Amino acid sequence: DQPEDARARFGLAEALRKQGRFDEALAARRLAHAAAGDDVLARDFERARGAAGYRAMVRASARREIERLDARQEAGGYVSPFDQARAFVQLGEAGRAFERLVAALDERAAGLTLLKVDAAWDEVRADPRFEAAVARVGIP
C-alpha cells in the first residue's frame, strides 16, 4: 500500500527469490532500487536473468553499498560495522565480513537481532564464525 517504500519491495524480491521465481524477484528488486533512488544499476537489471542474474544483482548492489559506506566514512560520517559486514558477505568476502561482524558485536549493533533470519548470511550459516556470532548475540 506504499509503493514508494523500497523496504517492502526488497522484501518481496527476497520472498520471490526463495520461491525460485528469479525473474519476478529481479523485477521487484529493480523497482526497490528505483524507489530507493538508486537507478545506477538499471542497465544491469536489463541483462540479468534467472538465479545467476539475481545473484549478480545482489553482488552489484553490495558493491554499491560498500562504495556508499566508504564515501560516508571518508567524509567523517558514522558507518555501522554491521552494514559493512552484511555487504561484504553478499560480495562473497567472508573474511572481511567476519572482521566487521566482530566489530558489530562489540558495538552491539541493532541489526544483529536479525542475524539468524537475514538471507544475506545464507552462504555462511555453516561457518563456525557465524555460529559463534549467533551464540554471542544470544539467539537460540
Protein backbone atom coordinates (compact mmCIF):
# COMPACT_ATOMS: atom_id res chain seq x y z
CA ASP A 1 0.00 0.00 0.00
CA GLN A 2 3.09 2.25 0.00
CA PRO A 3 4.73 1.79 -3.41
CA GLU A 4 7.39 4.36 -2.62
CA ASP A 5 8.68 2.26 0.30
CA ALA A 6 11.73 0.40 -1.01
CA ARG A 7 11.89 -1.91 2.02
CA ALA A 8 8.64 -3.64 1.10
CA ARG A 9 9.85 -4.15 -2.46
CA PHE A 10 13.17 -5.59 -1.28
CA GLY A 11 11.22 -7.94 0.98
CA LEU A 12 9.01 -9.01 -1.91
CA ALA A 13 12.09 -9.64 -4.05
CA GLU A 14 13.56 -11.85 -1.34
CA ALA A 15 10.32 -13.81 -0.95
CA LEU A 16 10.16 -14.38 -4.71
CA ARG A 17 13.82 -15.46 -4.72
CA LYS A 18 13.14 -18.04 -2.02
CA GLN A 19 10.29 -19.39 -4.15
CA GLY A 20 12.68 -19.76 -7.10
CA ARG A 21 10.83 -17.09 -9.10
CA PHE A 22 14.04 -15.31 -10.03
CA ASP A 23 12.87 -13.17 -12.94
CA GLU A 24 9.95 -11.86 -10.87
CA ALA A 25 12.37 -11.31 -7.98
CA LEU A 26 14.63 -9.31 -10.28
CA ALA A 27 11.70 -7.14 -11.38
CA ALA A 28 10.75 -6.49 -7.75
CA ARG A 29 14.36 -5.71 -6.84
CA ARG A 30 14.67 -3.30 -9.79
CA LEU A 31 11.60 -1.44 -8.53
CA ALA A 32 13.04 -1.48 -4.99
CA HIS A 33 16.25 0.16 -6.16
CA ALA A 34 14.28 2.75 -8.13
CA ALA A 35 12.11 3.50 -5.07
CA ALA A 36 15.31 3.90 -3.03
CA GLY A 37 16.61 6.42 -5.56
CA ASP A 38 19.33 4.08 -6.81
CA ASP A 39 18.92 3.84 -10.58
CA VAL A 40 22.62 3.29 -11.27
CA LEU A 41 22.05 -0.46 -11.64
CA ALA A 42 19.16 -0.08 -14.11
CA ARG A 43 21.14 -1.26 -17.16
CA ASP A 44 22.48 -4.26 -15.23
CA PHE A 45 18.93 -5.29 -14.38
CA GLU A 46 18.02 -5.32 -18.08
CA ARG A 47 20.57 -8.10 -18.71
CA ALA A 48 20.01 -10.15 -15.53
CA ARG A 49 18.04 -13.38 -15.82
CA GLY A 50 17.38 -16.33 -13.56
CA ALA A 51 19.20 -17.38 -10.40
CA ALA A 52 22.62 -16.32 -11.69
CA GLY A 53 21.26 -12.92 -12.67
CA TYR A 54 19.71 -12.45 -9.26
CA ARG A 55 22.98 -13.33 -7.52
CA ALA A 56 24.84 -10.93 -9.83
CA MET A 57 22.45 -8.11 -8.92
CA VAL A 58 22.83 -8.82 -5.20
CA ARG A 59 26.61 -8.56 -5.62
CA ALA A 60 26.34 -5.39 -7.69
CA SER A 61 24.09 -3.86 -5.06
CA ALA A 62 26.53 -4.86 -2.32
CA ARG A 63 29.42 -3.24 -4.23
CA ARG A 64 27.39 -0.02 -4.47
CA GLU A 65 26.66 -0.21 -0.75
CA ILE A 66 30.37 -0.58 0.08
CA GLU A 67 31.12 2.45 -2.13
CA ARG A 68 28.47 4.50 -0.30
CA LEU A 69 29.69 3.40 3.12
CA ASP A 70 33.32 4.15 2.21
CA ALA A 71 32.36 7.62 0.96
CA ARG A 72 30.42 8.35 4.15
CA GLN A 73 33.35 7.19 6.29
CA GLU A 74 35.85 9.26 4.27
CA ALA A 75 33.63 12.30 4.83
CA GLY A 76 33.84 11.71 8.57
CA GLY A 77 30.40 10.18 8.99
CA TYR A 78 29.47 7.15 11.04
CA VAL A 79 29.41 3.78 9.31
CA SER A 80 27.93 0.76 11.01
CA PRO A 81 30.29 -2.21 11.01
CA PHE A 82 27.19 -4.39 10.70
CA ASP A 83 26.24 -2.70 7.43
CA GLN A 84 29.78 -3.26 6.19
CA ALA A 85 29.73 -6.91 7.28
CA ARG A 86 26.42 -7.51 5.56
CA ALA A 87 27.66 -6.02 2.29
CA PHE A 88 30.93 -7.95 2.40
CA VAL A 89 29.16 -11.27 2.98
CA GLN A 90 26.93 -10.58 -0.03
CA LEU A 91 30.06 -9.98 -2.08
CA GLY A 92 31.39 -13.36 -1.04
CA GLU A 93 34.17 -11.81 1.06
CA ALA A 94 33.60 -13.88 4.18
CA GLY A 95 36.88 -12.94 5.86
CA ARG A 96 36.20 -9.22 5.66
CA ALA A 97 32.57 -9.81 6.61
CA PHE A 98 33.53 -11.63 9.80
CA GLU A 99 36.10 -8.94 10.72
CA ARG A 100 33.36 -6.31 10.54
CA LEU A 101 30.86 -8.62 12.26
CA VAL A 102 33.15 -8.86 15.29
CA ALA A 103 33.22 -5.04 15.40
CA ALA A 104 29.41 -5.01 15.12
CA LEU A 105 29.19 -7.47 18.00
CA ASP A 106 31.47 -5.27 20.11
CA GLU A 107 29.29 -2.28 19.23
CA ARG A 108 26.08 -4.24 19.89
CA ALA A 109 24.63 -3.20 16.53
CA ALA A 110 20.85 -3.35 16.30
CA GLY A 111 20.94 -5.41 13.09
CA LEU A 112 22.40 -8.34 14.99
CA THR A 113 18.93 -9.21 16.26
CA LEU A 114 18.02 -10.37 12.74
CA LEU A 115 21.27 -12.23 12.13
CA LYS A 116 19.71 -15.68 12.16
CA VAL A 117 16.93 -14.85 9.66
CA ASP A 118 18.61 -12.33 7.35
CA ALA A 119 19.08 -14.04 3.97
CA ALA A 120 22.28 -12.07 3.36
CA TRP A 121 24.06 -14.54 5.66
CA ASP A 122 22.77 -17.72 3.98
CA GLU A 123 26.09 -18.59 2.33
CA VAL A 124 28.00 -18.62 5.63
CA ARG A 125 25.48 -20.11 8.05
CA ALA A 126 27.52 -23.30 8.47
CA ASP A 127 30.73 -21.34 9.14
CA PRO A 128 31.81 -21.74 12.80
CA ARG A 129 32.44 -17.98 12.96
CA PHE A 130 28.79 -17.35 12.08
CA GLU A 131 27.58 -19.88 14.61
CA ALA A 132 29.78 -18.21 17.25
CA ALA A 133 28.34 -14.80 16.37
CA VAL A 134 24.77 -16.08 16.70
CA ALA A 135 25.65 -17.62 20.06
CA ARG A 136 27.30 -14.39 21.22
CA VAL A 137 24.17 -12.43 20.36
CA GLY A 138 22.22 -14.94 22.41
CA ILE A 139 19.89 -16.15 19.71
CA PRO A 140 18.74 -19.73 20.39
